[in-house]
PDB file of N, CA and C in Angstrom:
ATOM      1  N   VAL A   1       1.062  -1.332  -0.077  1.00  0.00           N
ATOM      2  CA  VAL A   1      -0.051   0.128  -0.034  1.00  0.00           C
ATOM      3  C   VAL A   1       0.673   0.996  -0.021  1.00  0.00           C
ATOM      4  N   ARG A   2       0.580   2.287  -0.821  1.00  0.00           N
ATOM      5  CA  ARG A   2       1.582   3.407  -0.827  1.00  0.00           C
ATOM      6  C   ARG A   2       0.364   4.397  -1.436  1.00  0.00           C
ATOM      7  N   PHE A   3       0.758   5.498  -0.486  1.00  0.00           N
ATOM      8  CA  PHE A   3      -0.163   6.625  -0.819  1.00  0.00           C
ATOM      9  C   PHE A   3       1.225   8.108  -1.371  1.00  0.00           C
ATOM     10  N   VAL A   4       0.700   9.058  -2.065  1.00  0.00           N
ATOM     11  CA  VAL A   4       1.405  10.159  -2.529  1.00  0.00           C
ATOM     12  C   VAL A   4       0.658  11.161  -2.084  1.00  0.00           C
ATOM     13  N   GLU A   5       0.514  11.949  -0.848  1.00  0.00           N
ATOM     14  CA  GLU A   5      -0.231  13.281  -0.778  1.00  0.00           C
ATOM     15  C   GLU A   5       0.271  14.559  -1.462  1.00  0.00           C
ATOM     16  N   SER A   6      -0.349  15.241  -1.821  1.00  0.00           N
ATOM     17  CA  SER A   6       0.169  16.737  -2.397  1.00  0.00           C
ATOM     18  C   SER A   6      -0.963  17.459  -1.938  1.00  0.00           C
ATOM     19  N   GLY A   7      -0.418  18.923  -2.328  1.00  0.00           N
ATOM     20  CA  GLY A   7      -1.349  20.007  -2.229  1.00  0.00           C
ATOM     21  C   GLY A   7      -1.387  20.633  -0.934  1.00  0.00           C
ATOM     22  N   GLY A   8      -0.554  20.356  -0.115  1.00  0.00           N
ATOM     23  CA  GLY A   8      -0.489  21.082   1.275  1.00  0.00           C
ATOM     24  C   GLY A   8       0.286  22.457   0.741  1.00  0.00           C
ATOM     25  N   GLY A   9       0.545  23.423   1.690  1.00  0.00           N
ATOM     26  CA  GLY A   9       1.248  24.601   1.456  1.00  0.00           C
ATOM     27  C   GLY A   9       0.796  25.858   2.415  1.00  0.00           C
ATOM     28  N   LEU A  10       1.263  26.948   2.416  1.00  0.00           N
ATOM     29  CA  LEU A  10       0.908  28.028   3.061  1.00  0.00           C
ATOM     30  C   LEU A  10      -0.233  28.836   2.463  1.00  0.00           C
ATOM     31  N   VAL A  11      -0.996  29.250   3.511  1.00  0.00           N
ATOM     32  CA  VAL A  11      -2.291  30.159   2.815  1.00  0.00           C
ATOM     33  C   VAL A  11      -2.876  30.914   3.885  1.00  0.00           C
ATOM     34  N   GLN A  12      -3.459  32.113   3.457  1.00  0.00           N
ATOM     35  CA  GLN A  12      -3.904  33.094   4.388  1.00  0.00           C
ATOM     36  C   GLN A  12      -5.206  32.760   4.814  1.00  0.00           C
ATOM     37  N   ALA A  13      -5.597  32.945   6.004  1.00  0.00           N
ATOM     38  CA  ALA A  13      -7.072  32.632   6.639  1.00  0.00           C
ATOM     39  C   ALA A  13      -8.201  32.989   5.750  1.00  0.00           C
ATOM     40  N   GLY A  14      -8.924  32.072   5.337  1.00  0.00           N
ATOM     41  CA  GLY A  14     -10.068  32.514   4.510  1.00  0.00           C
ATOM     42  C   GLY A  14      -9.826  31.763   3.266  1.00  0.00           C
ATOM     43  N   GLY A  15      -8.321  31.608   2.924  1.00  0.00           N
ATOM     44  CA  GLY A  15      -8.501  30.979   1.476  1.00  0.00           C
ATOM     45  C   GLY A  15      -8.524  29.369   1.332  1.00  0.00           C
ATOM     46  N   SER A  16      -8.107  28.951   0.277  1.00  0.00           N
ATOM     47  CA  SER A  16      -8.457  27.537   0.034  1.00  0.00           C
ATOM     48  C   SER A  16      -7.219  26.786  -0.535  1.00  0.00           C
ATOM     49  N   LEU A  17      -7.450  25.470  -0.066  1.00  0.00           N
ATOM     50  CA  LEU A  17      -6.402  24.472  -0.622  1.00  0.00           C
ATOM     51  C   LEU A  17      -7.050  23.114  -0.954  1.00  0.00           C
ATOM     52  N   ARG A  18      -6.482  22.585  -1.901  1.00  0.00           N
ATOM     53  CA  ARG A  18      -6.942  21.069  -2.490  1.00  0.00           C
ATOM     54  C   ARG A  18      -5.919  19.969  -2.184  1.00  0.00           C
ATOM     55  N   LEU A  19      -6.213  19.031  -1.228  1.00  0.00           N
ATOM     56  CA  LEU A  19      -5.388  17.949  -0.996  1.00  0.00           C
ATOM     57  C   LEU A  19      -5.610  16.809  -1.922  1.00  0.00           C
ATOM     58  N   SER A  20      -4.726  16.138  -2.367  1.00  0.00           N
ATOM     59  CA  SER A  20      -4.735  15.125  -3.085  1.00  0.00           C
ATOM     60  C   SER A  20      -3.981  13.799  -2.457  1.00  0.00           C
ATOM     61  N   CYS A  21      -4.520  12.667  -2.600  1.00  0.00           N
ATOM     62  CA  CYS A  21      -3.796  11.297  -2.077  1.00  0.00           C
ATOM     63  C   CYS A  21      -4.149  10.305  -3.265  1.00  0.00           C
ATOM     64  N   ALA A  22      -3.016  10.211  -4.013  1.00  0.00           N
ATOM     65  CA  ALA A  22      -3.009   9.113  -4.957  1.00  0.00           C
ATOM     66  C   ALA A  22      -2.589   7.877  -4.397  1.00  0.00           C
ATOM     67  N   SER A  23      -3.215   6.745  -4.711  1.00  0.00           N
ATOM     68  CA  SER A  23      -3.198   5.364  -3.965  1.00  0.00           C
ATOM     69  C   SER A  23      -2.658   4.369  -4.952  1.00  0.00           C
ATOM     70  N   SER A  24      -1.963   3.348  -4.299  1.00  0.00           N
ATOM     71  CA  SER A  24      -1.568   2.058  -4.979  1.00  0.00           C
ATOM     72  C   SER A  24      -1.392   1.063  -3.988  1.00  0.00           C
ATOM     73  N   GLY A  25      -1.437  -0.174  -4.543  1.00  0.00           N
ATOM     74  CA  GLY A  25      -1.145  -1.345  -3.869  1.00  0.00           C
ATOM     75  C   GLY A  25      -2.310  -1.978  -3.374  1.00  0.00           C
ATOM     76  N   PHE A  26      -3.564  -1.497  -3.387  1.00  0.00           N
ATOM     77  CA  PHE A  26      -4.950  -2.049  -3.064  1.00  0.00           C
ATOM     78  C   PHE A  26      -5.885  -1.765  -4.144  1.00  0.00           C
ATOM     79  N   THR A  27      -7.119  -2.283  -4.013  1.00  0.00           N
ATOM     80  CA  THR A  27      -8.292  -2.089  -5.002  1.00  0.00           C
ATOM     81  C   THR A  27      -8.922  -0.985  -4.243  1.00  0.00           C
ATOM     82  N   PHE A  28      -8.489   0.049  -4.932  1.00  0.00           N
ATOM     83  CA  PHE A  28      -8.643   1.563  -4.162  1.00  0.00           C
ATOM     84  C   PHE A  28     -10.360   1.626  -4.308  1.00  0.00           C
ATOM     85  N   SER A  29     -11.047   1.127  -5.347  1.00  0.00           N
ATOM     86  CA  SER A  29     -12.565   1.257  -5.556  1.00  0.00           C
ATOM     87  C   SER A  29     -13.273   0.638  -4.296  1.00  0.00           C
ATOM     88  N   SER A  30     -12.600  -0.501  -3.683  1.00  0.00           N
ATOM     89  CA  SER A  30     -13.307  -1.299  -2.683  1.00  0.00           C
ATOM     90  C   SER A  30     -13.480  -0.930  -1.143  1.00  0.00           C
ATOM     91  N   TYR A  31     -12.757   0.394  -1.159  1.00  0.00           N
ATOM     92  CA  TYR A  31     -12.465   0.567   0.423  1.00  0.00           C
ATOM     93  C   TYR A  31     -12.628   2.151   0.688  1.00  0.00           C
ATOM     94  N   ALA A  32     -13.335   2.303   1.734  1.00  0.00           N
ATOM     95  CA  ALA A  32     -13.486   3.457   2.416  1.00  0.00           C
ATOM     96  C   ALA A  32     -11.994   4.206   2.564  1.00  0.00           C
ATOM     97  N   MET A  33     -12.058   5.810   2.378  1.00  0.00           N
ATOM     98  CA  MET A  33     -10.763   6.149   2.704  1.00  0.00           C
ATOM     99  C   MET A  33     -11.034   7.588   3.728  1.00  0.00           C
ATOM    100  N   GLY A  34      -9.963   8.057   4.266  1.00  0.00           N
ATOM    101  CA  GLY A  34     -10.044   9.053   5.368  1.00  0.00           C
ATOM    102  C   GLY A  34      -8.990   9.945   5.309  1.00  0.00           C
ATOM    103  N   TRP A  35      -9.482  10.914   5.714  1.00  0.00           N
ATOM    104  CA  TRP A  35      -8.339  11.958   6.013  1.00  0.00           C
ATOM    105  C   TRP A  35      -8.308  12.456   7.276  1.00  0.00           C
ATOM    106  N   PHE A  36      -7.052  12.624   7.869  1.00  0.00           N
ATOM    107  CA  PHE A  36      -7.080  12.761   9.457  1.00  0.00           C
ATOM    108  C   PHE A  36      -5.735  13.899   9.573  1.00  0.00           C
ATOM    109  N   ARG A  37      -5.802  14.690  10.735  1.00  0.00           N
ATOM    110  CA  ARG A  37      -4.606  15.765  10.728  1.00  0.00           C
ATOM    111  C   ARG A  37      -4.103  15.598  12.044  1.00  0.00           C
ATOM    112  N   GLN A  38      -2.725  16.031  12.363  1.00  0.00           N
ATOM    113  CA  GLN A  38      -2.014  16.247  13.390  1.00  0.00           C
ATOM    114  C   GLN A  38      -1.399  17.638  13.471  1.00  0.00           C
ATOM    115  N   ALA A  39      -1.975  18.584  14.373  1.00  0.00           N
ATOM    116  CA  ALA A  39      -1.369  19.729  14.897  1.00  0.00           C
ATOM    117  C   ALA A  39       0.029  19.844  15.859  1.00  0.00           C
ATOM    118  N   PRO A  40       0.773  20.709  15.730  1.00  0.00           N
ATOM    119  CA  PRO A  40       1.745  20.549  16.425  1.00  0.00           C
ATOM    120  C   PRO A  40       1.375  20.389  18.155  1.00  0.00           C
ATOM    121  N   GLY A  41       1.764  19.316  18.679  1.00  0.00           N
ATOM    122  CA  GLY A  41       1.688  19.533  20.071  1.00  0.00           C
ATOM    123  C   GLY A  41       0.392  18.666  20.444  1.00  0.00           C
ATOM    124  N   LYS A  42      -0.388  18.231  19.385  1.00  0.00           N
ATOM    125  CA  LYS A  42      -1.710  17.414  19.534  1.00  0.00           C
ATOM    126  C   LYS A  42      -1.748  16.109  18.831  1.00  0.00           C
ATOM    127  N   GLU A  43      -2.764  15.238  19.235  1.00  0.00           N
ATOM    128  CA  GLU A  43      -2.792  13.880  18.933  1.00  0.00           C
ATOM    129  C   GLU A  43      -3.527  14.085  17.356  1.00  0.00           C
ATOM    130  N   ARG A  44      -3.325  12.800  16.445  1.00  0.00           N
ATOM    131  CA  ARG A  44      -4.025  12.920  15.359  1.00  0.00           C
ATOM    132  C   ARG A  44      -5.376  12.847  15.395  1.00  0.00           C
ATOM    133  N   GLU A  45      -6.197  13.641  14.620  1.00  0.00           N
ATOM    134  CA  GLU A  45      -7.449  13.583  14.931  1.00  0.00           C
ATOM    135  C   GLU A  45      -8.356  13.274  13.485  1.00  0.00           C
ATOM    136  N   PHE A  46      -9.485  12.856  13.490  1.00  0.00           N
ATOM    137  CA  PHE A  46     -10.128  12.593  12.176  1.00  0.00           C
ATOM    138  C   PHE A  46     -10.778  13.778  11.707  1.00  0.00           C
ATOM    139  N   VAL A  47     -10.828  13.999  10.454  1.00  0.00           N
ATOM    140  CA  VAL A  47     -11.120  15.079   9.790  1.00  0.00           C
ATOM    141  C   VAL A  47     -12.613  14.850   8.741  1.00  0.00           C
ATOM    142  N   ALA A  48     -12.142  13.689   7.690  1.00  0.00           N
ATOM    143  CA  ALA A  48     -13.459  13.382   7.080  1.00  0.00           C
ATOM    144  C   ALA A  48     -13.190  11.805   6.469  1.00  0.00           C
ATOM    145  N   ALA A  49     -14.260  11.370   5.977  1.00  0.00           N
ATOM    146  CA  ALA A  49     -14.169  10.150   5.238  1.00  0.00           C
ATOM    147  C   ALA A  49     -15.046   9.907   4.514  1.00  0.00           C
ATOM    148  N   ILE A  50     -14.850   8.920   3.413  1.00  0.00           N
ATOM    149  CA  ILE A  50     -15.740   8.885   2.352  1.00  0.00           C
ATOM    150  C   ILE A  50     -15.927   7.260   1.981  1.00  0.00           C
ATOM    151  N   ASN A  51     -16.949   6.988   1.590  1.00  0.00           N
ATOM    152  CA  ASN A  51     -17.187   5.405   1.277  1.00  0.00           C
ATOM    153  C   ASN A  51     -16.594   5.103   0.010  1.00  0.00           C
ATOM    154  N   TYR A  52     -16.391   3.584  -0.122  1.00  0.00           N
ATOM    155  CA  TYR A  52     -15.976   3.267  -1.226  1.00  0.00           C
ATOM    156  C   TYR A  52     -16.294   3.674  -2.549  1.00  0.00           C
ATOM    157  N   SER A  53     -17.654   4.116  -2.493  1.00  0.00           N
ATOM    158  CA  SER A  53     -18.401   4.535  -4.064  1.00  0.00           C
ATOM    159  C   SER A  53     -18.174   5.947  -4.057  1.00  0.00           C
ATOM    160  N   GLY A  54     -18.160   6.831  -2.955  1.00  0.00           N
ATOM    161  CA  GLY A  54     -18.331   8.257  -3.100  1.00  0.00           C
ATOM    162  C   GLY A  54     -19.421   8.547  -2.592  1.00  0.00           C
ATOM    163  N   THR A  55     -20.345   7.904  -2.227  1.00  0.00           N
ATOM    164  CA  THR A  55     -21.892   8.090  -2.312  1.00  0.00           C
ATOM    165  C   THR A  55     -22.135   8.733  -0.942  1.00  0.00           C
ATOM    166  N   SER A  56     -21.304   8.513   0.232  1.00  0.00           N
ATOM    167  CA  SER A  56     -21.210   8.841   1.685  1.00  0.00           C
ATOM    168  C   SER A  56     -20.163   9.420   2.194  1.00  0.00           C
ATOM    169  N   GLN A  57     -20.404  10.592   2.768  1.00  0.00           N
ATOM    170  CA  GLN A  57     -19.320  11.148   3.470  1.00  0.00           C
ATOM    171  C   GLN A  57     -19.647  11.656   5.027  1.00  0.00           C
ATOM    172  N   LYS A  58     -18.656  11.529   5.820  1.00  0.00           N
ATOM    173  CA  LYS A  58     -18.731  12.068   7.125  1.00  0.00           C
ATOM    174  C   LYS A  58     -17.522  13.126   7.463  1.00  0.00           C
ATOM    175  N   TYR A  59     -17.922  14.147   8.264  1.00  0.00           N
ATOM    176  CA  TYR A  59     -17.036  15.077   8.612  1.00  0.00           C
ATOM    177  C   TYR A  59     -16.964  15.365   9.948  1.00  0.00           C
ATOM    178  N   GLU A  60     -15.651  15.767  10.698  1.00  0.00           N
ATOM    179  CA  GLU A  60     -15.493  16.035  11.855  1.00  0.00           C
ATOM    180  C   GLU A  60     -16.435  17.511  12.012  1.00  0.00           C
ATOM    181  N   ASP A  61     -17.044  17.761  13.080  1.00  0.00           N
ATOM    182  CA  ASP A  61     -17.661  18.888  13.313  1.00  0.00           C
ATOM    183  C   ASP A  61     -17.365  20.530  12.939  1.00  0.00           C
ATOM    184  N   SER A  62     -15.866  20.531  13.448  1.00  0.00           N
ATOM    185  CA  SER A  62     -15.393  21.771  12.817  1.00  0.00           C
ATOM    186  C   SER A  62     -15.120  22.142  11.449  1.00  0.00           C
ATOM    187  N   VAL A  63     -15.239  21.099  10.840  1.00  0.00           N
ATOM    188  CA  VAL A  63     -14.869  21.214   9.188  1.00  0.00           C
ATOM    189  C   VAL A  63     -16.096  21.224   8.212  1.00  0.00           C
ATOM    190  N   LYS A  64     -17.180  20.676   8.991  1.00  0.00           N
ATOM    191  CA  LYS A  64     -18.483  20.801   8.365  1.00  0.00           C
ATOM    192  C   LYS A  64     -18.683  21.928   7.417  1.00  0.00           C
ATOM    193  N   GLY A  65     -19.014  21.946   6.315  1.00  0.00           N
ATOM    194  CA  GLY A  65     -19.630  23.358   5.557  1.00  0.00           C
ATOM    195  C   GLY A  65     -18.486  23.842   4.901  1.00  0.00           C
ATOM    196  N   ARG A  66     -17.212  23.503   5.536  1.00  0.00           N
ATOM    197  CA  ARG A  66     -15.863  24.312   5.012  1.00  0.00           C
ATOM    198  C   ARG A  66     -15.240  23.266   3.856  1.00  0.00           C
ATOM    199  N   PHE A  67     -14.962  22.160   4.448  1.00  0.00           N
ATOM    200  CA  PHE A  67     -14.245  20.865   3.757  1.00  0.00           C
ATOM    201  C   PHE A  67     -15.189  20.112   2.985  1.00  0.00           C
ATOM    202  N   THR A  68     -14.679  19.372   1.695  1.00  0.00           N
ATOM    203  CA  THR A  68     -15.390  18.650   1.022  1.00  0.00           C
ATOM    204  C   THR A  68     -14.488  17.342   0.755  1.00  0.00           C
ATOM    205  N   ILE A  69     -14.749  16.078   1.016  1.00  0.00           N
ATOM    206  CA  ILE A  69     -13.827  15.089   0.675  1.00  0.00           C
ATOM    207  C   ILE A  69     -14.653  14.254  -0.611  1.00  0.00           C
ATOM    208  N   SER A  70     -13.709  13.898  -1.564  1.00  0.00           N
ATOM    209  CA  SER A  70     -14.303  13.419  -2.730  1.00  0.00           C
ATOM    210  C   SER A  70     -13.263  12.329  -3.309  1.00  0.00           C
ATOM    211  N   ARG A  71     -13.699  11.604  -4.278  1.00  0.00           N
ATOM    212  CA  ARG A  71     -12.613  10.511  -4.595  1.00  0.00           C
ATOM    213  C   ARG A  71     -13.117  10.300  -6.323  1.00  0.00           C
ATOM    214  N   ASP A  72     -11.816   9.575  -6.973  1.00  0.00           N
ATOM    215  CA  ASP A  72     -12.106   9.425  -8.298  1.00  0.00           C
ATOM    216  C   ASP A  72     -11.399   8.186  -8.304  1.00  0.00           C
ATOM    217  N   ASN A  73     -12.269   7.046  -8.319  1.00  0.00           N
ATOM    218  CA  ASN A  73     -11.935   5.804  -8.472  1.00  0.00           C
ATOM    219  C   ASN A  73     -11.196   5.308  -9.860  1.00  0.00           C
ATOM    220  N   ALA A  74     -11.518   5.883 -11.102  1.00  0.00           N
ATOM    221  CA  ALA A  74     -10.712   5.684 -11.930  1.00  0.00           C
ATOM    222  C   ALA A  74      -9.028   6.197 -11.774  1.00  0.00           C
ATOM    223  N   LYS A  75      -8.803   7.235 -10.919  1.00  0.00           N
ATOM    224  CA  LYS A  75      -7.588   7.650 -10.777  1.00  0.00           C
ATOM    225  C   LYS A  75      -6.963   7.391  -9.274  1.00  0.00           C
ATOM    226  N   ASN A  76      -7.679   6.471  -8.560  1.00  0.00           N
ATOM    227  CA  ASN A  76      -7.446   5.989  -7.434  1.00  0.00           C
ATOM    228  C   ASN A  76      -6.855   6.865  -6.517  1.00  0.00           C
ATOM    229  N   THR A  77      -7.489   8.128  -6.483  1.00  0.00           N
ATOM    230  CA  THR A  77      -7.251   9.381  -5.502  1.00  0.00           C
ATOM    231  C   THR A  77      -8.197   9.636  -4.824  1.00  0.00           C
ATOM    232  N   VAL A  78      -8.120  10.222  -3.784  1.00  0.00           N
ATOM    233  CA  VAL A  78      -8.976  10.891  -2.889  1.00  0.00           C
ATOM    234  C   VAL A  78      -8.668  12.413  -2.738  1.00  0.00           C
ATOM    235  N   TYR A  79      -9.384  13.193  -2.517  1.00  0.00           N
ATOM    236  CA  TYR A  79      -9.151  14.491  -2.425  1.00  0.00           C
ATOM    237  C   TYR A  79      -9.888  15.210  -1.186  1.00  0.00           C
ATOM    238  N   LEU A  80      -9.253  16.331  -0.780  1.00  0.00           N
ATOM    239  CA  LEU A  80      -9.899  16.928   0.233  1.00  0.00           C
ATOM    240  C   LEU A  80      -9.907  18.482  -0.092  1.00  0.00           C
ATOM    241  N   GLN A  81     -11.093  19.117  -0.527  1.00  0.00           N
ATOM    242  CA  GLN A  81     -11.274  20.561  -0.767  1.00  0.00           C
ATOM    243  C   GLN A  81     -11.537  21.312   0.542  1.00  0.00           C
ATOM    244  N   MET A  82     -10.474  22.182   0.756  1.00  0.00           N
ATOM    245  CA  MET A  82     -10.624  22.913   2.031  1.00  0.00           C
ATOM    246  C   MET A  82     -10.902  24.410   1.715  1.00  0.00           C
ATOM    247  N   ASN A  83     -12.112  24.700   2.255  1.00  0.00           N
ATOM    248  CA  ASN A  83     -12.330  26.403   1.906  1.00  0.00           C
ATOM    249  C   ASN A  83     -12.309  26.946   3.333  1.00  0.00           C
ATOM    250  N   GLY A  84     -12.172  28.328   3.248  1.00  0.00           N
ATOM    251  CA  GLY A  84     -12.727  29.235   4.307  1.00  0.00           C
ATOM    252  C   GLY A  84     -11.665  28.869   5.881  1.00  0.00           C
ATOM    253  N   LEU A  85     -10.327  28.673   5.209  1.00  0.00           N
ATOM    254  CA  LEU A  85      -9.235  27.829   6.276  1.00  0.00           C
ATOM    255  C   LEU A  85      -9.079  28.841   7.217  1.00  0.00           C
ATOM    256  N   LYS A  86      -8.903  28.285   8.376  1.00  0.00           N
ATOM    257  CA  LYS A  86      -8.585  29.334   9.718  1.00  0.00           C
ATOM    258  C   LYS A  86      -7.401  28.888  10.326  1.00  0.00           C
ATOM    259  N   PRO A  87      -6.680  29.658  11.023  1.00  0.00           N
ATOM    260  CA  PRO A  87      -5.368  29.178  11.809  1.00  0.00           C
ATOM    261  C   PRO A  87      -5.309  27.766  12.307  1.00  0.00           C
ATOM    262  N   GLU A  88      -6.711  27.499  13.067  1.00  0.00           N
ATOM    263  CA  GLU A  88      -6.786  26.233  13.811  1.00  0.00           C
ATOM    264  C   GLU A  88      -6.365  25.032  12.805  1.00  0.00           C
ATOM    265  N   ASP A  89      -6.631  25.499  11.583  1.00  0.00           N
ATOM    266  CA  ASP A  89      -6.722  23.970  10.656  1.00  0.00           C
ATOM    267  C   ASP A  89      -5.011  23.615  10.355  1.00  0.00           C
ATOM    268  N   THR A  90      -4.218  24.493  10.801  1.00  0.00           N
ATOM    269  CA  THR A  90      -2.878  24.224  10.335  1.00  0.00           C
ATOM    270  C   THR A  90      -2.516  22.869  11.069  1.00  0.00           C
ATOM    271  N   ALA A  91      -2.115  21.919  10.334  1.00  0.00           N
ATOM    272  CA  ALA A  91      -1.383  21.036  10.748  1.00  0.00           C
ATOM    273  C   ALA A  91      -1.158  20.061   9.538  1.00  0.00           C
ATOM    274  N   VAL A  92      -0.433  18.915   9.901  1.00  0.00           N
ATOM    275  CA  VAL A  92      -0.111  17.610   8.945  1.00  0.00           C
ATOM    276  C   VAL A  92      -1.053  16.975   8.662  1.00  0.00           C
ATOM    277  N   TYR A  93      -1.503  16.887   7.386  1.00  0.00           N
ATOM    278  CA  TYR A  93      -2.873  15.969   6.924  1.00  0.00           C
ATOM    279  C   TYR A  93      -2.299  14.755   6.138  1.00  0.00           C
ATOM    280  N   TYR A  94      -2.964  13.640   6.733  1.00  0.00           N
ATOM    281  CA  TYR A  94      -2.842  12.569   6.333  1.00  0.00           C
ATOM    282  C   TYR A  94      -4.070  11.863   5.829  1.00  0.00           C
ATOM    283  N   CYS A  95      -3.798  10.890   4.579  1.00  0.00           N
ATOM    284  CA  CYS A  95      -4.659  10.017   4.144  1.00  0.00           C
ATOM    285  C   CYS A  95      -4.685   8.620   4.736  1.00  0.00           C
ATOM    286  N   LYS A  96      -5.670   7.830   4.756  1.00  0.00           N
ATOM    287  CA  LYS A  96      -5.697   6.701   5.615  1.00  0.00           C
ATOM    288  C   LYS A  96      -6.828   5.592   5.042  1.00  0.00           C
ATOM    289  N   VAL A  97      -6.078   4.446   4.764  1.00  0.00           N
ATOM    290  CA  VAL A  97      -6.994   3.311   4.321  1.00  0.00           C
ATOM    291  C   VAL A  97      -7.008   2.074   5.459  1.00  0.00           C
ATOM    292  N   ARG A  98      -8.052   1.533   5.713  1.00  0.00           N
ATOM    293  CA  ARG A  98      -7.654   0.230   6.591  1.00  0.00           C
ATOM    294  C   ARG A  98      -7.938  -1.054   5.592  1.00  0.00           C
ATOM    295  N   PHE A  99      -6.748  -1.710   5.392  1.00  0.00           N
ATOM    296  CA  PHE A  99      -6.810  -2.822   4.364  1.00  0.00           C
ATOM    297  C   PHE A  99      -6.326  -4.130   5.119  1.00  0.00           C
ATOM    298  N   ASN A 100      -7.276  -5.048   4.927  1.00  0.00           N
ATOM    299  CA  ASN A 100      -7.033  -6.322   5.820  1.00  0.00           C
ATOM    300  C   ASN A 100      -6.755  -6.204   7.319  1.00  0.00           C
ATOM    301  N   GLY A 101      -7.622  -4.992   7.806  1.00  0.00           N
ATOM    302  CA  GLY A 101      -7.616  -5.071   9.347  1.00  0.00           C
ATOM    303  C   GLY A 101      -6.272  -3.946   9.823  1.00  0.00           C
ATOM    304  N   VAL A 102      -5.731  -3.695   8.781  1.00  0.00           N
ATOM    305  CA  VAL A 102      -4.434  -2.825   9.072  1.00  0.00           C
ATOM    306  C   VAL A 102      -4.786  -1.376   8.556  1.00  0.00           C
ATOM    307  N   ASP A 103      -4.259  -0.257   9.325  1.00  0.00           N
ATOM    308  CA  ASP A 103      -4.553   0.823   9.071  1.00  0.00           C
ATOM    309  C   ASP A 103      -3.080   1.491   8.334  1.00  0.00           C
ATOM    310  N   TYR A 104      -3.178   2.090   6.981  1.00  0.00           N
ATOM    311  CA  TYR A 104      -2.140   2.432   6.263  1.00  0.00           C
ATOM    312  C   TYR A 104      -2.482   3.957   6.037  1.00  0.00           C
ATOM    313  N   TRP A 105      -1.214   4.598   6.186  1.00  0.00           N
ATOM    314  CA  TRP A 105      -1.223   6.245   6.329  1.00  0.00           C
ATOM    315  C   TRP A 105      -0.017   6.776   5.408  1.00  0.00           C
ATOM    316  N   GLY A 106      -0.361   7.686   4.871  1.00  0.00           N
ATOM    317  CA  GLY A 106       0.236   8.276   4.114  1.00  0.00           C
ATOM    318  C   GLY A 106       1.465   9.296   4.882  1.00  0.00           C
ATOM    319  N   LYS A 107       2.323   9.853   3.979  1.00  0.00           N
ATOM    320  CA  LYS A 107       3.374  10.337   5.023  1.00  0.00           C
ATOM    321  C   LYS A 107       2.960  11.844   5.513  1.00  0.00           C
ATOM    322  N   GLY A 108       1.792  12.181   4.855  1.00  0.00           N
ATOM    323  CA  GLY A 108       1.417  13.483   5.335  1.00  0.00           C
ATOM    324  C   GLY A 108       1.838  14.702   4.196  1.00  0.00           C
ATOM    325  N   THR A 109       0.872  15.720   4.405  1.00  0.00           N
ATOM    326  CA  THR A 109       1.227  17.188   3.766  1.00  0.00           C
ATOM    327  C   THR A 109       0.826  18.013   4.873  1.00  0.00           C
ATOM    328  N   LEU A 110       1.600  19.212   4.689  1.00  0.00           N
ATOM    329  CA  LEU A 110       1.616  20.317   5.604  1.00  0.00           C
ATOM    330  C   LEU A 110       0.755  21.468   5.264  1.00  0.00           C
ATOM    331  N   VAL A 111      -0.249  21.711   6.133  1.00  0.00           N
ATOM    332  CA  VAL A 111      -1.049  22.842   5.724  1.00  0.00           C
ATOM    333  C   VAL A 111      -0.524  23.782   6.662  1.00  0.00           C
ATOM    334  N   THR A 112      -0.228  25.153   6.412  1.00  0.00           N
ATOM    335  CA  THR A 112      -0.091  26.273   7.312  1.00  0.00           C
ATOM    336  C   THR A 112      -1.093  27.354   6.808  1.00  0.00           C
ATOM    337  N   VAL A 113      -1.864  27.827   7.747  1.00  0.00           N
ATOM    338  CA  VAL A 113      -2.535  28.988   7.680  1.00  0.00           C
ATOM    339  C   VAL A 113      -2.301  30.106   8.570  1.00  0.00           C
ATOM    340  N   SER A 114      -1.783  31.039   7.788  1.00  0.00           N
ATOM    341  CA  SER A 114      -1.475  32.421   8.618  1.00  0.00           C
ATOM    342  C   SER A 114      -2.550  33.384   8.720  1.00  0.00           C
ATOM    343  N   THR A 115      -2.436  34.073   9.902  1.00  0.00           N
ATOM    344  CA  THR A 115      -3.521  35.199  10.097  1.00  0.00           C
ATOM    345  C   THR A 115      -3.568  36.361   9.258  1.00  0.00           C
TER     346      THR A 115
END
């Protein structure tokens, strides 16, 4: 299982970023995918998840209405569109899949939101 995450960077508060996570090593279209984040000095936390077909999503309360998770099964890629970014969204963002009972994580992409 391998992930290549991209799209992080420095953005001003109120701005937008789109994260991508290109996946390989498993049948991507058969598995739910998730995005998590870890802010400095804090534990990793759930951000959003999407089912295998893309028809169902769920979000952590603080990102509802601002973030949108989506997937393109033809490209084996999951996305996180982040709008209305706030300084408290600053974190390393990771994609994750649970495959054969094991959680696999990407290396993460850093998102920094300035005031």
